[in-house]
Amino acid sequence: MSEDENELISQLHGETAKLPWHELERHFARGSVIKVEVGMDLLKVAVILTKDDKSSLEKLLADGSVANASVEDASLWHECSTEFWTVVVAPWVLVQPIGNKLDS
């Protein structure tokens, strides 16, 4: 990993926050919530988006590791009061459920 990527990961790490779903619902309503499968490295996905690495992103989308949050996801997250690790890569908000309570 290059020094630039390490600096980017460090910056993104500082911008990562733990948030409950109710604080993310307005972003979902705008269509800007991207879910990242539990077990994936949230910051590496954020780097892929930041660097506009289309090839890597296409692979993650194809295998379902990364996807637009669906109405079904939002409904379940609301019902379960799910908490997330989040990071913003404008205009997107990447979310990853915390713990093993839910599948992403």
PDB file of N, CA and C in Angstrom:
ATOM      1  N   MET A   1       0.844  -1.166   0.000  1.00  0.00           N
ATOM      2  CA  MET A   1       0.000   0.000   0.000  1.00  0.00           C
ATOM      3  C   MET A   1       0.895   1.238   0.000  1.00  0.00           C
ATOM      4  N   SER A   2       0.553   2.210  -0.816  1.00  0.00           N
ATOM      5  CA  SER A   2       1.361   3.416  -0.941  1.00  0.00           C
ATOM      6  C   SER A   2       1.176   4.312   0.283  1.00  0.00           C
ATOM      7  N   GLU A   3       2.105   5.260   0.431  1.00  0.00           N
ATOM      8  CA  GLU A   3       2.020   6.211   1.536  1.00  0.00           C
ATOM      9  C   GLU A   3       0.755   7.056   1.423  1.00  0.00           C
ATOM     10  N   ASP A   4       0.379   7.421   0.177  1.00  0.00           N
ATOM     11  CA  ASP A   4      -0.850   8.191  -0.043  1.00  0.00           C
ATOM     12  C   ASP A   4      -2.082   7.419   0.433  1.00  0.00           C
ATOM     13  N   GLU A   5      -2.128   6.105   0.129  1.00  0.00           N
ATOM     14  CA  GLU A   5      -3.261   5.281   0.569  1.00  0.00           C
ATOM     15  C   GLU A   5      -3.289   5.168   2.087  1.00  0.00           C
ATOM     16  N   ASN A   6      -2.117   5.028   2.700  1.00  0.00           N
ATOM     17  CA  ASN A   6      -2.065   4.961   4.166  1.00  0.00           C
ATOM     18  C   ASN A   6      -2.581   6.250   4.789  1.00  0.00           C
ATOM     19  N   GLU A   7      -2.215   7.385   4.206  1.00  0.00           N
ATOM     20  CA  GLU A   7      -2.703   8.670   4.707  1.00  0.00           C
ATOM     21  C   GLU A   7      -4.215   8.783   4.526  1.00  0.00           C
ATOM     22  N   LEU A   8      -4.715   8.315   3.375  1.00  0.00           N
ATOM     23  CA  LEU A   8      -6.152   8.351   3.116  1.00  0.00           C
ATOM     24  C   LEU A   8      -6.902   7.471   4.114  1.00  0.00           C
ATOM     25  N   ILE A   9      -6.392   6.279   4.363  1.00  0.00           N
ATOM     26  CA  ILE A   9      -7.026   5.380   5.337  1.00  0.00           C
ATOM     27  C   ILE A   9      -7.014   6.021   6.722  1.00  0.00           C
ATOM     28  N   SER A  10      -5.917   6.646   7.073  1.00  0.00           N
ATOM     29  CA  SER A  10      -5.834   7.311   8.372  1.00  0.00           C
ATOM     30  C   SER A  10      -6.857   8.447   8.469  1.00  0.00           C
ATOM     31  N   GLN A  11      -6.989   9.220   7.415  1.00  0.00           N
ATOM     32  CA  GLN A  11      -7.977  10.310   7.385  1.00  0.00           C
ATOM     33  C   GLN A  11      -9.389   9.751   7.496  1.00  0.00           C
ATOM     34  N   LEU A  12      -9.699   8.726   6.699  1.00  0.00           N
ATOM     35  CA  LEU A  12     -11.033   8.129   6.738  1.00  0.00           C
ATOM     36  C   LEU A  12     -11.330   7.513   8.098  1.00  0.00           C
ATOM     37  N   HIS A  13     -10.318   6.910   8.716  1.00  0.00           N
ATOM     38  CA  HIS A  13     -10.496   6.323  10.041  1.00  0.00           C
ATOM     39  C   HIS A  13     -10.933   7.388  11.031  1.00  0.00           C
ATOM     40  N   GLY A  14     -10.339   8.575  10.924  1.00  0.00           N
ATOM     41  CA  GLY A  14     -10.707   9.681  11.806  1.00  0.00           C
ATOM     42  C   GLY A  14     -12.113  10.199  11.561  1.00  0.00           C
ATOM     43  N   GLU A  15     -12.673   9.897  10.390  1.00  0.00           N
ATOM     44  CA  GLU A  15     -14.013  10.346  10.036  1.00  0.00           C
ATOM     45  C   GLU A  15     -15.071   9.259  10.226  1.00  0.00           C
ATOM     46  N   THR A  16     -14.658   8.111  10.713  1.00  0.00           N
ATOM     47  CA  THR A  16     -15.572   7.001  10.945  1.00  0.00           C
ATOM     48  C   THR A  16     -16.335   7.238  12.249  1.00  0.00           C
ATOM     49  N   ALA A  17     -17.621   6.935  12.214  1.00  0.00           N
ATOM     50  CA  ALA A  17     -18.441   7.138  13.409  1.00  0.00           C
ATOM     51  C   ALA A  17     -19.390   5.968  13.601  1.00  0.00           C
ATOM     52  N   LYS A  18     -19.783   5.778  14.846  1.00  0.00           N
ATOM     53  CA  LYS A  18     -20.800   4.785  15.204  1.00  0.00           C
ATOM     54  C   LYS A  18     -22.120   5.534  15.319  1.00  0.00           C
ATOM     55  N   LEU A  19     -23.113   5.142  14.497  1.00  0.00           N
ATOM     56  CA  LEU A  19     -24.404   5.832  14.504  1.00  0.00           C
ATOM     57  C   LEU A  19     -25.565   4.848  14.498  1.00  0.00           C
ATOM     58  N   PRO A  20     -26.662   5.207  15.166  1.00  0.00           N
ATOM     59  CA  PRO A  20     -27.872   4.389  15.093  1.00  0.00           C
ATOM     60  C   PRO A  20     -28.607   4.669  13.784  1.00  0.00           C
ATOM     61  N   TRP A  21     -29.427   3.708  13.366  1.00  0.00           N
ATOM     62  CA  TRP A  21     -30.136   3.839  12.101  1.00  0.00           C
ATOM     63  C   TRP A  21     -30.972   5.114  12.027  1.00  0.00           C
ATOM     64  N   HIS A  22     -31.625   5.495  13.115  1.00  0.00           N
ATOM     65  CA  HIS A  22     -32.510   6.660  13.044  1.00  0.00           C
ATOM     66  C   HIS A  22     -31.760   7.924  12.628  1.00  0.00           C
ATOM     67  N   GLU A  23     -30.442   7.989  12.846  1.00  0.00           N
ATOM     68  CA  GLU A  23     -29.661   9.144  12.406  1.00  0.00           C
ATOM     69  C   GLU A  23     -29.241   9.029  10.933  1.00  0.00           C
ATOM     70  N   LEU A  24     -29.457   7.875  10.353  1.00  0.00           N
ATOM     71  CA  LEU A  24     -29.067   7.646   8.953  1.00  0.00           C
ATOM     72  C   LEU A  24     -30.257   7.630   8.009  1.00  0.00           C
ATOM     73  N   GLU A  25     -31.472   7.590   8.547  1.00  0.00           N
ATOM     74  CA  GLU A  25     -32.670   7.455   7.715  1.00  0.00           C
ATOM     75  C   GLU A  25     -32.812   8.583   6.690  1.00  0.00           C
ATOM     76  N   ARG A  26     -32.451   9.796   7.048  1.00  0.00           N
ATOM     77  CA  ARG A  26     -32.574  10.905   6.085  1.00  0.00           C
ATOM     78  C   ARG A  26     -31.634  10.718   4.904  1.00  0.00           C
ATOM     79  N   HIS A  27     -30.466  10.118   5.154  1.00  0.00           N
ATOM     80  CA  HIS A  27     -29.531   9.839   4.051  1.00  0.00           C
ATOM     81  C   HIS A  27     -30.095   8.737   3.148  1.00  0.00           C
ATOM     82  N   PHE A  28     -30.734   7.764   3.786  1.00  0.00           N
ATOM     83  CA  PHE A  28     -31.388   6.707   3.007  1.00  0.00           C
ATOM     84  C   PHE A  28     -32.479   7.305   2.126  1.00  0.00           C
ATOM     85  N   ALA A  29     -33.254   8.226   2.667  1.00  0.00           N
ATOM     86  CA  ALA A  29     -34.338   8.858   1.909  1.00  0.00           C
ATOM     87  C   ALA A  29     -33.801   9.597   0.681  1.00  0.00           C
ATOM     88  N   ARG A  30     -32.578  10.081   0.760  1.00  0.00           N
ATOM     89  CA  ARG A  30     -31.940  10.746  -0.388  1.00  0.00           C
ATOM     90  C   ARG A  30     -31.294   9.752  -1.351  1.00  0.00           C
ATOM     91  N   GLY A  31     -31.267   8.471  -0.972  1.00  0.00           N
ATOM     92  CA  GLY A  31     -30.677   7.451  -1.830  1.00  0.00           C
ATOM     93  C   GLY A  31     -29.166   7.381  -1.767  1.00  0.00           C
ATOM     94  N   SER A  32     -28.591   7.825  -0.659  1.00  0.00           N
ATOM     95  CA  SER A  32     -27.132   7.883  -0.593  1.00  0.00           C
ATOM     96  C   SER A  32     -26.495   6.883   0.373  1.00  0.00           C
ATOM     97  N   VAL A  33     -27.270   5.906   0.856  1.00  0.00           N
ATOM     98  CA  VAL A  33     -26.714   4.914   1.787  1.00  0.00           C
ATOM     99  C   VAL A  33     -26.260   3.673   1.014  1.00  0.00           C
ATOM    100  N   ILE A  34     -24.994   3.337   1.225  1.00  0.00           N
ATOM    101  CA  ILE A  34     -24.393   2.144   0.633  1.00  0.00           C
ATOM    102  C   ILE A  34     -24.059   1.188   1.769  1.00  0.00           C
ATOM    103  N   LYS A  35     -24.583  -0.026   1.697  1.00  0.00           N
ATOM    104  CA  LYS A  35     -24.297  -1.001   2.760  1.00  0.00           C
ATOM    105  C   LYS A  35     -23.061  -1.822   2.386  1.00  0.00           C
ATOM    106  N   VAL A  36     -22.252  -2.070   3.406  1.00  0.00           N
ATOM    107  CA  VAL A  36     -21.028  -2.857   3.265  1.00  0.00           C
ATOM    108  C   VAL A  36     -21.202  -4.085   4.135  1.00  0.00           C
ATOM    109  N   GLU A  37     -21.032  -5.249   3.543  1.00  0.00           N
ATOM    110  CA  GLU A  37     -21.232  -6.518   4.237  1.00  0.00           C
ATOM    111  C   GLU A  37     -20.353  -6.608   5.481  1.00  0.00           C
ATOM    112  N   VAL A  38     -20.931  -7.157   6.562  1.00  0.00           N
ATOM    113  CA  VAL A  38     -20.168  -7.412   7.778  1.00  0.00           C
ATOM    114  C   VAL A  38     -18.984  -8.314   7.409  1.00  0.00           C
ATOM    115  N   GLY A  39     -17.824  -7.982   7.930  1.00  0.00           N
ATOM    116  CA  GLY A  39     -16.621  -8.752   7.629  1.00  0.00           C
ATOM    117  C   GLY A  39     -15.740  -8.086   6.582  1.00  0.00           C
ATOM    118  N   MET A  40     -16.340  -7.197   5.780  1.00  0.00           N
ATOM    119  CA  MET A  40     -15.555  -6.432   4.818  1.00  0.00           C
ATOM    120  C   MET A  40     -14.849  -5.301   5.564  1.00  0.00           C
ATOM    121  N   ASP A  41     -13.724  -4.845   5.020  1.00  0.00           N
ATOM    122  CA  ASP A  41     -13.017  -3.711   5.601  1.00  0.00           C
ATOM    123  C   ASP A  41     -13.677  -2.427   5.105  1.00  0.00           C
ATOM    124  N   LEU A  42     -14.429  -1.777   5.978  1.00  0.00           N
ATOM    125  CA  LEU A  42     -15.175  -0.574   5.626  1.00  0.00           C
ATOM    126  C   LEU A  42     -14.266   0.503   5.036  1.00  0.00           C
ATOM    127  N   LEU A  43     -13.085   0.674   5.618  1.00  0.00           N
ATOM    128  CA  LEU A  43     -12.176   1.715   5.146  1.00  0.00           C
ATOM    129  C   LEU A  43     -11.606   1.399   3.765  1.00  0.00           C
ATOM    130  N   LYS A  44     -11.358   0.127   3.492  1.00  0.00           N
ATOM    131  CA  LYS A  44     -10.867  -0.231   2.152  1.00  0.00           C
ATOM    132  C   LYS A  44     -11.933   0.034   1.097  1.00  0.00           C
ATOM    133  N   VAL A  45     -13.180  -0.219   1.445  1.00  0.00           N
ATOM    134  CA  VAL A  45     -14.273   0.093   0.519  1.00  0.00           C
ATOM    135  C   VAL A  45     -14.352   1.604   0.316  1.00  0.00           C
ATOM    136  N   ALA A  46     -14.176   2.363   1.387  1.00  0.00           N
ATOM    137  CA  ALA A  46     -14.188   3.825   1.286  1.00  0.00           C
ATOM    138  C   ALA A  46     -13.049   4.317   0.386  1.00  0.00           C
ATOM    139  N   VAL A  47     -11.893   3.695   0.482  1.00  0.00           N
ATOM    140  CA  VAL A  47     -10.761   4.067  -0.375  1.00  0.00           C
ATOM    141  C   VAL A  47     -11.093   3.783  -1.836  1.00  0.00           C
ATOM    142  N   ILE A  48     -11.704   2.642  -2.100  1.00  0.00           N
ATOM    143  CA  ILE A  48     -12.096   2.292  -3.476  1.00  0.00           C
ATOM    144  C   ILE A  48     -13.021   3.357  -4.057  1.00  0.00           C
ATOM    145  N   LEU A  49     -13.994   3.799  -3.264  1.00  0.00           N
ATOM    146  CA  LEU A  49     -14.907   4.846  -3.732  1.00  0.00           C
ATOM    147  C   LEU A  49     -14.193   6.186  -3.887  1.00  0.00           C
ATOM    148  N   THR A  50     -13.362   6.528  -2.927  1.00  0.00           N
ATOM    149  CA  THR A  50     -12.643   7.799  -2.982  1.00  0.00           C
ATOM    150  C   THR A  50     -11.754   7.878  -4.216  1.00  0.00           C
ATOM    151  N   LYS A  51     -11.101   6.760  -4.543  1.00  0.00           N
ATOM    152  CA  LYS A  51     -10.191   6.737  -5.685  1.00  0.00           C
ATOM    153  C   LYS A  51     -10.908   6.440  -7.003  1.00  0.00           C
ATOM    154  N   ASP A  52     -12.227   6.266  -6.935  1.00  0.00           N
ATOM    155  CA  ASP A  52     -13.028   5.970  -8.124  1.00  0.00           C
ATOM    156  C   ASP A  52     -12.479   4.753  -8.871  1.00  0.00           C
ATOM    157  N   ASP A  53     -12.160   3.700  -8.085  1.00  0.00           N
ATOM    158  CA  ASP A  53     -11.619   2.449  -8.634  1.00  0.00           C
ATOM    159  C   ASP A  53     -12.784   1.598  -9.133  1.00  0.00           C
ATOM    160  N   LYS A  54     -13.196   1.867 -10.359  1.00  0.00           N
ATOM    161  CA  LYS A  54     -14.394   1.225 -10.921  1.00  0.00           C
ATOM    162  C   LYS A  54     -14.273  -0.289 -10.997  1.00  0.00           C
ATOM    163  N   SER A  55     -13.109  -0.787 -11.354  1.00  0.00           N
ATOM    164  CA  SER A  55     -12.918  -2.230 -11.484  1.00  0.00           C
ATOM    165  C   SER A  55     -13.148  -2.945 -10.153  1.00  0.00           C
ATOM    166  N   SER A  56     -12.529  -2.435  -9.089  1.00  0.00           N
ATOM    167  CA  SER A  56     -12.702  -3.046  -7.765  1.00  0.00           C
ATOM    168  C   SER A  56     -14.142  -2.906  -7.279  1.00  0.00           C
ATOM    169  N   LEU A  57     -14.747  -1.749  -7.519  1.00  0.00           N
ATOM    170  CA  LEU A  57     -16.124  -1.535  -7.096  1.00  0.00           C
ATOM    171  C   LEU A  57     -17.080  -2.473  -7.828  1.00  0.00           C
ATOM    172  N   GLU A  58     -16.882  -2.660  -9.114  1.00  0.00           N
ATOM    173  CA  GLU A  58     -17.734  -3.578  -9.882  1.00  0.00           C
ATOM    174  C   GLU A  58     -17.677  -4.989  -9.321  1.00  0.00           C
ATOM    175  N   LYS A  59     -16.489  -5.436  -8.896  1.00  0.00           N
ATOM    176  CA  LYS A  59     -16.349  -6.773  -8.304  1.00  0.00           C
ATOM    177  C   LYS A  59     -17.137  -6.875  -7.002  1.00  0.00           C
ATOM    178  N   LEU A  60     -17.037  -5.836  -6.163  1.00  0.00           N
ATOM    179  CA  LEU A  60     -17.756  -5.844  -4.884  1.00  0.00           C
ATOM    180  C   LEU A  60     -19.267  -5.802  -5.090  1.00  0.00           C
ATOM    181  N   LEU A  61     -19.703  -5.031  -6.071  1.00  0.00           N
ATOM    182  CA  LEU A  61     -21.134  -4.976  -6.383  1.00  0.00           C
ATOM    183  C   LEU A  61     -21.619  -6.319  -6.931  1.00  0.00           C
ATOM    184  N   ALA A  62     -20.811  -6.937  -7.782  1.00  0.00           N
ATOM    185  CA  ALA A  62     -21.194  -8.211  -8.402  1.00  0.00           C
ATOM    186  C   ALA A  62     -21.325  -9.328  -7.368  1.00  0.00           C
ATOM    187  N   ASP A  63     -20.435  -9.350  -6.363  1.00  0.00           N
ATOM    188  CA  ASP A  63     -20.523 -10.437  -5.379  1.00  0.00           C
ATOM    189  C   ASP A  63     -21.414 -10.087  -4.182  1.00  0.00           C
ATOM    190  N   GLY A  64     -21.998  -8.883  -4.207  1.00  0.00           N
ATOM    191  CA  GLY A  64     -22.940  -8.497  -3.155  1.00  0.00           C
ATOM    192  C   GLY A  64     -22.304  -7.983  -1.878  1.00  0.00           C
ATOM    193  N   SER A  65     -20.988  -7.822  -1.859  1.00  0.00           N
ATOM    194  CA  SER A  65     -20.305  -7.313  -0.667  1.00  0.00           C
ATOM    195  C   SER A  65     -20.653  -5.867  -0.387  1.00  0.00           C
ATOM    196  N   VAL A  66     -20.990  -5.143  -1.456  1.00  0.00           N
ATOM    197  CA  VAL A  66     -21.374  -3.736  -1.379  1.00  0.00           C
ATOM    198  C   VAL A  66     -22.632  -3.582  -2.224  1.00  0.00           C
ATOM    199  N   ALA A  67     -23.613  -2.826  -1.692  1.00  0.00           N
ATOM    200  CA  ALA A  67     -24.866  -2.635  -2.438  1.00  0.00           C
ATOM    201  C   ALA A  67     -25.574  -1.381  -1.932  1.00  0.00           C
ATOM    202  N   ASN A  68     -26.446  -0.857  -2.762  1.00  0.00           N
ATOM    203  CA  ASN A  68     -27.327   0.212  -2.307  1.00  0.00           C
ATOM    204  C   ASN A  68     -28.251  -0.371  -1.244  1.00  0.00           C
ATOM    205  N   ALA A  69     -28.475   0.374  -0.189  1.00  0.00           N
ATOM    206  CA  ALA A  69     -29.415  -0.080   0.837  1.00  0.00           C
ATOM    207  C   ALA A  69     -30.817  -0.105   0.236  1.00  0.00           C
ATOM    208  N   SER A  70     -31.537  -1.169   0.504  1.00  0.00           N
ATOM    209  CA  SER A  70     -32.885  -1.335  -0.040  1.00  0.00           C
ATOM    210  C   SER A  70     -33.935  -0.912   0.987  1.00  0.00           C
ATOM    211  N   VAL A  71     -35.166  -0.805   0.529  1.00  0.00           N
ATOM    212  CA  VAL A  71     -36.282  -0.507   1.434  1.00  0.00           C
ATOM    213  C   VAL A  71     -36.394  -1.607   2.482  1.00  0.00           C
ATOM    214  N   GLU A  72     -36.185  -2.853   2.078  1.00  0.00           N
ATOM    215  CA  GLU A  72     -36.242  -3.975   3.019  1.00  0.00           C
ATOM    216  C   GLU A  72     -35.159  -3.842   4.089  1.00  0.00           C
ATOM    217  N   ASP A  73     -33.927  -3.459   3.656  1.00  0.00           N
ATOM    218  CA  ASP A  73     -32.850  -3.239   4.628  1.00  0.00           C
ATOM    219  C   ASP A  73     -33.263  -2.172   5.629  1.00  0.00           C
ATOM    220  N   ALA A  74     -33.731  -1.034   5.115  1.00  0.00           N
ATOM    221  CA  ALA A  74     -34.096   0.097   5.973  1.00  0.00           C
ATOM    222  C   ALA A  74     -35.188  -0.283   6.961  1.00  0.00           C
ATOM    223  N   SER A  75     -36.155  -1.036   6.509  1.00  0.00           N
ATOM    224  CA  SER A  75     -37.251  -1.456   7.368  1.00  0.00           C
ATOM    225  C   SER A  75     -36.737  -2.346   8.509  1.00  0.00           C
ATOM    226  N   LEU A  76     -35.891  -3.299   8.176  1.00  0.00           N
ATOM    227  CA  LEU A  76     -35.316  -4.193   9.180  1.00  0.00           C
ATOM    228  C   LEU A  76     -34.440  -3.415  10.157  1.00  0.00           C
ATOM    229  N   TRP A  77     -33.607  -2.527   9.646  1.00  0.00           N
ATOM    230  CA  TRP A  77     -32.721  -1.736  10.504  1.00  0.00           C
ATOM    231  C   TRP A  77     -33.520  -0.842  11.444  1.00  0.00           C
ATOM    232  N   HIS A  78     -34.621  -0.290  10.948  1.00  0.00           N
ATOM    233  CA  HIS A  78     -35.479   0.544  11.787  1.00  0.00           C
ATOM    234  C   HIS A  78     -36.115  -0.306  12.896  1.00  0.00           C
ATOM    235  N   GLU A  79     -36.640  -1.436  12.498  1.00  0.00           N
ATOM    236  CA  GLU A  79     -37.312  -2.340  13.443  1.00  0.00           C
ATOM    237  C   GLU A  79     -36.366  -2.819  14.530  1.00  0.00           C
ATOM    238  N   CYS A  80     -35.116  -3.068  14.184  1.00  0.00           N
ATOM    239  CA  CYS A  80     -34.137  -3.618  15.128  1.00  0.00           C
ATOM    240  C   CYS A  80     -33.266  -2.561  15.799  1.00  0.00           C
ATOM    241  N   SER A  81     -33.490  -1.278  15.473  1.00  0.00           N
ATOM    242  CA  SER A  81     -32.658  -0.190  16.017  1.00  0.00           C
ATOM    243  C   SER A  81     -31.165  -0.489  15.832  1.00  0.00           C
ATOM    244  N   THR A  82     -30.815  -0.856  14.630  1.00  0.00           N
ATOM    245  CA  THR A  82     -29.450  -1.268  14.306  1.00  0.00           C
ATOM    246  C   THR A  82     -28.474  -0.102  14.445  1.00  0.00           C
ATOM    247  N   GLU A  83     -27.277  -0.416  14.958  1.00  0.00           N
ATOM    248  CA  GLU A  83     -26.180   0.544  14.998  1.00  0.00           C
ATOM    249  C   GLU A  83     -25.188   0.184  13.907  1.00  0.00           C
ATOM    250  N   PHE A  84     -24.501   1.207  13.400  1.00  0.00           N
ATOM    251  CA  PHE A  84     -23.593   1.035  12.275  1.00  0.00           C
ATOM    252  C   PHE A  84     -22.270   1.737  12.506  1.00  0.00           C
ATOM    253  N   TRP A  85     -21.240   1.184  11.881  1.00  0.00           N
ATOM    254  CA  TRP A  85     -20.028   1.947  11.631  1.00  0.00           C
ATOM    255  C   TRP A  85     -20.308   2.674  10.332  1.00  0.00           C
ATOM    256  N   THR A  86     -19.985   3.954  10.283  1.00  0.00           N
ATOM    257  CA  THR A  86     -20.271   4.756   9.100  1.00  0.00           C
ATOM    258  C   THR A  86     -19.054   5.582   8.708  1.00  0.00           C
ATOM    259  N   VAL A  87     -18.982   5.869   7.423  1.00  0.00           N
ATOM    260  CA  VAL A  87     -17.983   6.808   6.911  1.00  0.00           C
ATOM    261  C   VAL A  87     -18.585   7.448   5.667  1.00  0.00           C
ATOM    262  N   VAL A  88     -18.351   8.745   5.518  1.00  0.00           N
ATOM    263  CA  VAL A  88     -18.889   9.478   4.383  1.00  0.00           C
ATOM    264  C   VAL A  88     -17.834   9.587   3.294  1.00  0.00           C
ATOM    265  N   VAL A  89     -18.220   9.187   2.098  1.00  0.00           N
ATOM    266  CA  VAL A  89     -17.441   9.427   0.882  1.00  0.00           C
ATOM    267  C   VAL A  89     -18.441  10.105  -0.045  1.00  0.00           C
ATOM    268  N   ALA A  90     -18.497  11.423   0.087  1.00  0.00           N
ATOM    269  CA  ALA A  90     -19.539  12.209  -0.589  1.00  0.00           C
ATOM    270  C   ALA A  90     -19.659  11.842  -2.062  1.00  0.00           C
ATOM    271  N   PRO A  91     -20.873  11.628  -2.516  1.00  0.00           N
ATOM    272  CA  PRO A  91     -22.153  11.892  -1.849  1.00  0.00           C
ATOM    273  C   PRO A  91     -22.682  10.688  -1.079  1.00  0.00           C
ATOM    274  N   TRP A  92     -21.877   9.662  -0.897  1.00  0.00           N
ATOM    275  CA  TRP A  92     -22.334   8.415  -0.288  1.00  0.00           C
ATOM    276  C   TRP A  92     -22.061   8.371   1.199  1.00  0.00           C
ATOM    277  N   VAL A  93     -22.908   7.626   1.912  1.00  0.00           N
ATOM    278  CA  VAL A  93     -22.681   7.280   3.308  1.00  0.00           C
ATOM    279  C   VAL A  93     -22.571   5.766   3.344  1.00  0.00           C
ATOM    280  N   LEU A  94     -21.375   5.275   3.664  1.00  0.00           N
ATOM    281  CA  LEU A  94     -21.171   3.834   3.767  1.00  0.00           C
ATOM    282  C   LEU A  94     -21.559   3.393   5.166  1.00  0.00           C
ATOM    283  N   VAL A  95     -22.342   2.318   5.249  1.00  0.00           N
ATOM    284  CA  VAL A  95     -22.788   1.799   6.546  1.00  0.00           C
ATOM    285  C   VAL A  95     -22.485   0.315   6.649  1.00  0.00           C
ATOM    286  N   GLN A  96     -22.110  -0.090   7.850  1.00  0.00           N
ATOM    287  CA  GLN A  96     -21.843  -1.501   8.116  1.00  0.00           C
ATOM    288  C   GLN A  96     -22.427  -1.823   9.493  1.00  0.00           C
ATOM    289  N   PRO A  97     -23.386  -2.740   9.535  1.00  0.00           N
ATOM    290  CA  PRO A  97     -23.980  -3.093  10.834  1.00  0.00           C
ATOM    291  C   PRO A  97     -22.912  -3.554  11.812  1.00  0.00           C
ATOM    292  N   ILE A  98     -23.067  -3.151  13.070  1.00  0.00           N
ATOM    293  CA  ILE A  98     -22.145  -3.536  14.117  1.00  0.00           C
ATOM    294  C   ILE A  98     -22.646  -4.833  14.739  1.00  0.00           C
ATOM    295  N   GLY A  99     -21.737  -5.760  14.926  1.00  0.00           N
ATOM    296  CA  GLY A  99     -22.077  -7.011  15.578  1.00  0.00           C
ATOM    297  C   GLY A  99     -22.697  -8.008  14.632  1.00  0.00           C
ATOM    298  N   ASN A 100     -23.184  -9.082  15.206  1.00  0.00           N
ATOM    299  CA  ASN A 100     -23.728 -10.192  14.415  1.00  0.00           C
ATOM    300  C   ASN A 100     -25.241 -10.291  14.515  1.00  0.00           C
ATOM    301  N   LYS A 101     -25.915  -9.219  14.968  1.00  0.00           N
ATOM    302  CA  LYS A 101     -27.376  -9.280  15.128  1.00  0.00           C
ATOM    303  C   LYS A 101     -28.093  -9.456  13.782  1.00  0.00           C
ATOM    304  N   LEU A 102     -27.504  -8.874  12.741  1.00  0.00           N
ATOM    305  CA  LEU A 102     -28.171  -8.893  11.431  1.00  0.00           C
ATOM    306  C   LEU A 102     -27.205  -9.274  10.338  1.00  0.00           C
ATOM    307  N   ASP A 103     -27.731  -9.833   9.295  1.00  0.00           N
ATOM    308  CA  ASP A 103     -26.958  -9.968   8.076  1.00  0.00           C
ATOM    309  C   ASP A 103     -27.048  -8.633   7.369  1.00  0.00           C
ATOM    310  N   SER A 104     -25.992  -8.229   6.665  1.00  0.00           N
ATOM    311  CA  SER A 104     -26.057  -6.947   5.943  1.00  0.00           C
ATOM    312  C   SER A 104     -26.679  -7.123   4.587  1.00  0.00           C
TER     313      SER A 104
END
